[in-house]
N, C-alpha and C. Protein backbone atom coordinates (compact mmCIF):
# COMPACT_ATOMS: atom_id res chain seq x y z
N MET A 1 -0.58 3.91 -13.17
CA MET A 1 -0.39 3.57 -11.87
C MET A 1 -1.33 3.43 -11.02
N LYS A 2 -2.70 3.33 -11.79
CA LYS A 2 -3.89 3.04 -10.94
C LYS A 2 -3.58 1.45 -10.69
N ILE A 3 -3.41 0.81 -11.76
CA ILE A 3 -2.96 -0.56 -11.81
C ILE A 3 -1.83 -0.93 -10.61
N VAL A 4 -0.93 0.00 -10.37
CA VAL A 4 0.16 -0.61 -9.65
C VAL A 4 -0.29 -0.33 -7.99
N LYS A 5 -1.19 0.94 -8.03
CA LYS A 5 -1.61 1.48 -6.65
C LYS A 5 -2.73 0.05 -6.31
N PHE A 6 -3.58 -0.25 -7.20
CA PHE A 6 -4.33 -1.33 -6.74
C PHE A 6 -4.24 -2.67 -6.60
N ILE A 7 -2.82 -2.97 -7.09
CA ILE A 7 -2.31 -4.36 -6.18
C ILE A 7 -1.74 -4.08 -5.37
N LEU A 8 -0.67 -2.92 -5.02
CA LEU A 8 -0.41 -2.68 -3.57
C LEU A 8 -1.66 -2.57 -2.89
N ALA A 9 -2.84 -2.45 -2.81
CA ALA A 9 -3.83 -2.22 -1.55
C ALA A 9 -4.39 -3.24 -1.37
N ILE A 10 -4.17 -4.29 -2.51
CA ILE A 10 -4.73 -5.70 -2.06
C ILE A 10 -3.79 -6.13 -1.15
N ILE A 11 -2.47 -5.98 -1.43
CA ILE A 11 -1.60 -6.99 -0.67
C ILE A 11 -1.65 -6.24 0.63
N VAL A 12 -1.87 -5.18 0.81
CA VAL A 12 -1.88 -4.51 2.34
C VAL A 12 -3.35 -4.99 2.76
N VAL A 13 -4.32 -5.09 2.32
CA VAL A 13 -5.59 -5.69 2.66
C VAL A 13 -5.25 -7.09 2.92
N ALA A 14 -4.35 -7.90 2.30
CA ALA A 14 -4.40 -9.37 2.47
C ALA A 14 -3.70 -9.56 3.89
N LEU A 15 -2.32 -8.86 3.86
CA LEU A 15 -1.47 -8.71 4.95
C LEU A 15 -2.11 -8.18 6.31
N SER A 16 -3.05 -7.48 6.05
CA SER A 16 -3.78 -6.93 7.32
C SER A 16 -4.87 -7.62 7.88
N ALA A 17 -5.48 -8.58 6.88
CA ALA A 17 -6.69 -9.64 7.35
C ALA A 17 -5.68 -10.26 7.85
N TYR A 18 -4.57 -11.23 7.24
CA TYR A 18 -3.94 -12.12 7.78
C TYR A 18 -3.59 -11.85 8.97
N GLN A 19 -2.83 -10.66 9.57
CA GLN A 19 -2.72 -10.28 10.82
C GLN A 19 -3.49 -10.28 11.80
N LEU A 20 -5.05 -9.66 11.54
CA LEU A 20 -6.08 -9.91 12.38
C LEU A 20 -6.56 -11.25 12.70
N ILE A 21 -6.62 -12.32 11.52
CA ILE A 21 -6.92 -13.48 11.90
C ILE A 21 -6.03 -14.14 12.87
N THR A 22 -4.87 -14.02 12.30
CA THR A 22 -3.69 -14.93 13.20
C THR A 22 -3.31 -14.33 14.43
N GLY A 23 -3.16 -13.14 14.87
CA GLY A 23 -3.18 -12.30 15.88
C GLY A 23 -1.66 -11.96 15.75
N SER A 24 -0.87 -12.20 14.95
CA SER A 24 0.89 -12.09 14.78
C SER A 24 0.84 -10.92 14.23
N VAL A 25 2.23 -10.16 14.62
CA VAL A 25 2.51 -8.75 13.88
C VAL A 25 4.19 -9.06 13.32
N GLU A 26 4.36 -10.36 12.95
CA GLU A 26 5.41 -10.25 12.51
C GLU A 26 5.39 -9.43 10.90
N LEU A 27 4.36 -9.49 10.53
CA LEU A 27 4.33 -9.02 8.92
C LEU A 27 4.06 -7.43 9.04
N MET A 28 3.93 -6.77 10.34
CA MET A 28 3.61 -5.36 10.19
C MET A 28 4.61 -4.46 9.11
N PRO A 29 5.89 -4.78 9.22
CA PRO A 29 6.85 -4.03 8.45
C PRO A 29 6.66 -3.91 7.21
N TYR A 30 6.27 -5.07 7.05
CA TYR A 30 6.27 -5.15 5.21
C TYR A 30 4.52 -4.52 4.84
N SER A 31 3.88 -4.90 5.88
CA SER A 31 2.37 -3.93 5.42
C SER A 31 2.38 -2.48 5.44
N MET A 32 3.33 -2.04 6.24
CA MET A 32 3.68 -0.50 6.84
C MET A 32 4.52 -0.14 5.30
N LEU A 33 5.41 -1.06 4.66
CA LEU A 33 6.29 -0.58 3.51
C LEU A 33 5.67 -0.31 2.38
N PHE A 34 4.40 -1.52 2.07
CA PHE A 34 3.40 -1.54 1.19
C PHE A 34 2.40 -0.19 1.18
N LEU A 35 1.80 0.30 2.53
CA LEU A 35 1.24 1.53 2.73
C LEU A 35 2.23 2.72 2.37
N ALA A 36 3.55 2.83 2.73
CA ALA A 36 4.36 4.15 2.31
C ALA A 36 4.51 4.03 0.52
N ALA A 37 4.75 2.81 -0.07
CA ALA A 37 4.91 2.67 -1.34
C ALA A 37 3.44 3.25 -2.23
N ILE A 38 2.16 2.99 -1.36
CA ILE A 38 1.12 3.54 -1.86
C ILE A 38 0.90 5.14 -1.80
N LEU A 39 1.64 5.56 -0.81
CA LEU A 39 1.25 6.92 -0.57
C LEU A 39 2.57 7.56 -1.37
N LEU A 40 3.31 6.95 -1.79
CA LEU A 40 4.47 7.58 -2.93
C LEU A 40 4.11 7.62 -4.38
N ILE A 41 3.13 6.79 -4.59
CA ILE A 41 2.53 6.61 -5.92
C ILE A 41 1.47 7.46 -5.91
N THR A 42 0.55 7.79 -5.11
CA THR A 42 -0.36 8.89 -4.75
C THR A 42 0.28 10.28 -5.14
N GLY A 43 1.22 10.45 -4.49
CA GLY A 43 2.23 11.58 -4.47
C GLY A 43 2.58 12.02 -5.86
N LEU A 44 3.33 11.09 -6.64
CA LEU A 44 3.75 11.33 -8.00
C LEU A 44 2.73 11.40 -8.78
N VAL A 45 1.65 10.53 -8.71
CA VAL A 45 0.03 11.07 -9.55
C VAL A 45 -0.26 12.52 -9.25
N GLU A 46 -0.19 13.09 -8.20
CA GLU A 46 -0.68 14.31 -7.73
C GLU A 46 0.07 15.21 -8.34
N LEU A 47 1.61 15.20 -8.41
CA LEU A 47 2.77 15.64 -8.84
C LEU A 47 2.28 15.97 -10.32
N GLN A 48 2.03 14.79 -11.27
CA GLN A 48 1.93 14.78 -12.62
C GLN A 48 0.87 15.60 -12.83
N ILE A 49 -0.35 15.32 -12.31
CA ILE A 49 -1.39 16.26 -12.65
C ILE A 49 -1.09 17.65 -12.20
N ASP A 50 -0.47 18.32 -10.99
CA ASP A 50 -0.11 19.52 -11.14
C ASP A 50 0.98 20.08 -12.31
N ARG A 51 1.82 19.42 -13.17
CA ARG A 51 2.36 19.72 -14.10
C ARG A 51 1.95 20.15 -15.31
N LYS A 52 0.92 19.51 -15.49
CA LYS A 52 0.18 19.34 -16.84
C LYS A 52 -0.65 20.65 -17.34
C-alpha cells in the first residue's frame, strides 16, 4: 500500500506543478481524483491497523 500511495503522491505533485507552471485548470479534476484515492488508501491502512 505504501508503494501505491507514493506513486499517487508523485502523480498529484506532477499534476499540481504542471497546473502552477502553465496556469491551466483543465487537469484539476484528475488531481482531485488522485487525492481522493490517496485518502481512501490511507483510510484502508488505518482500518487494517485497527483490526489487528
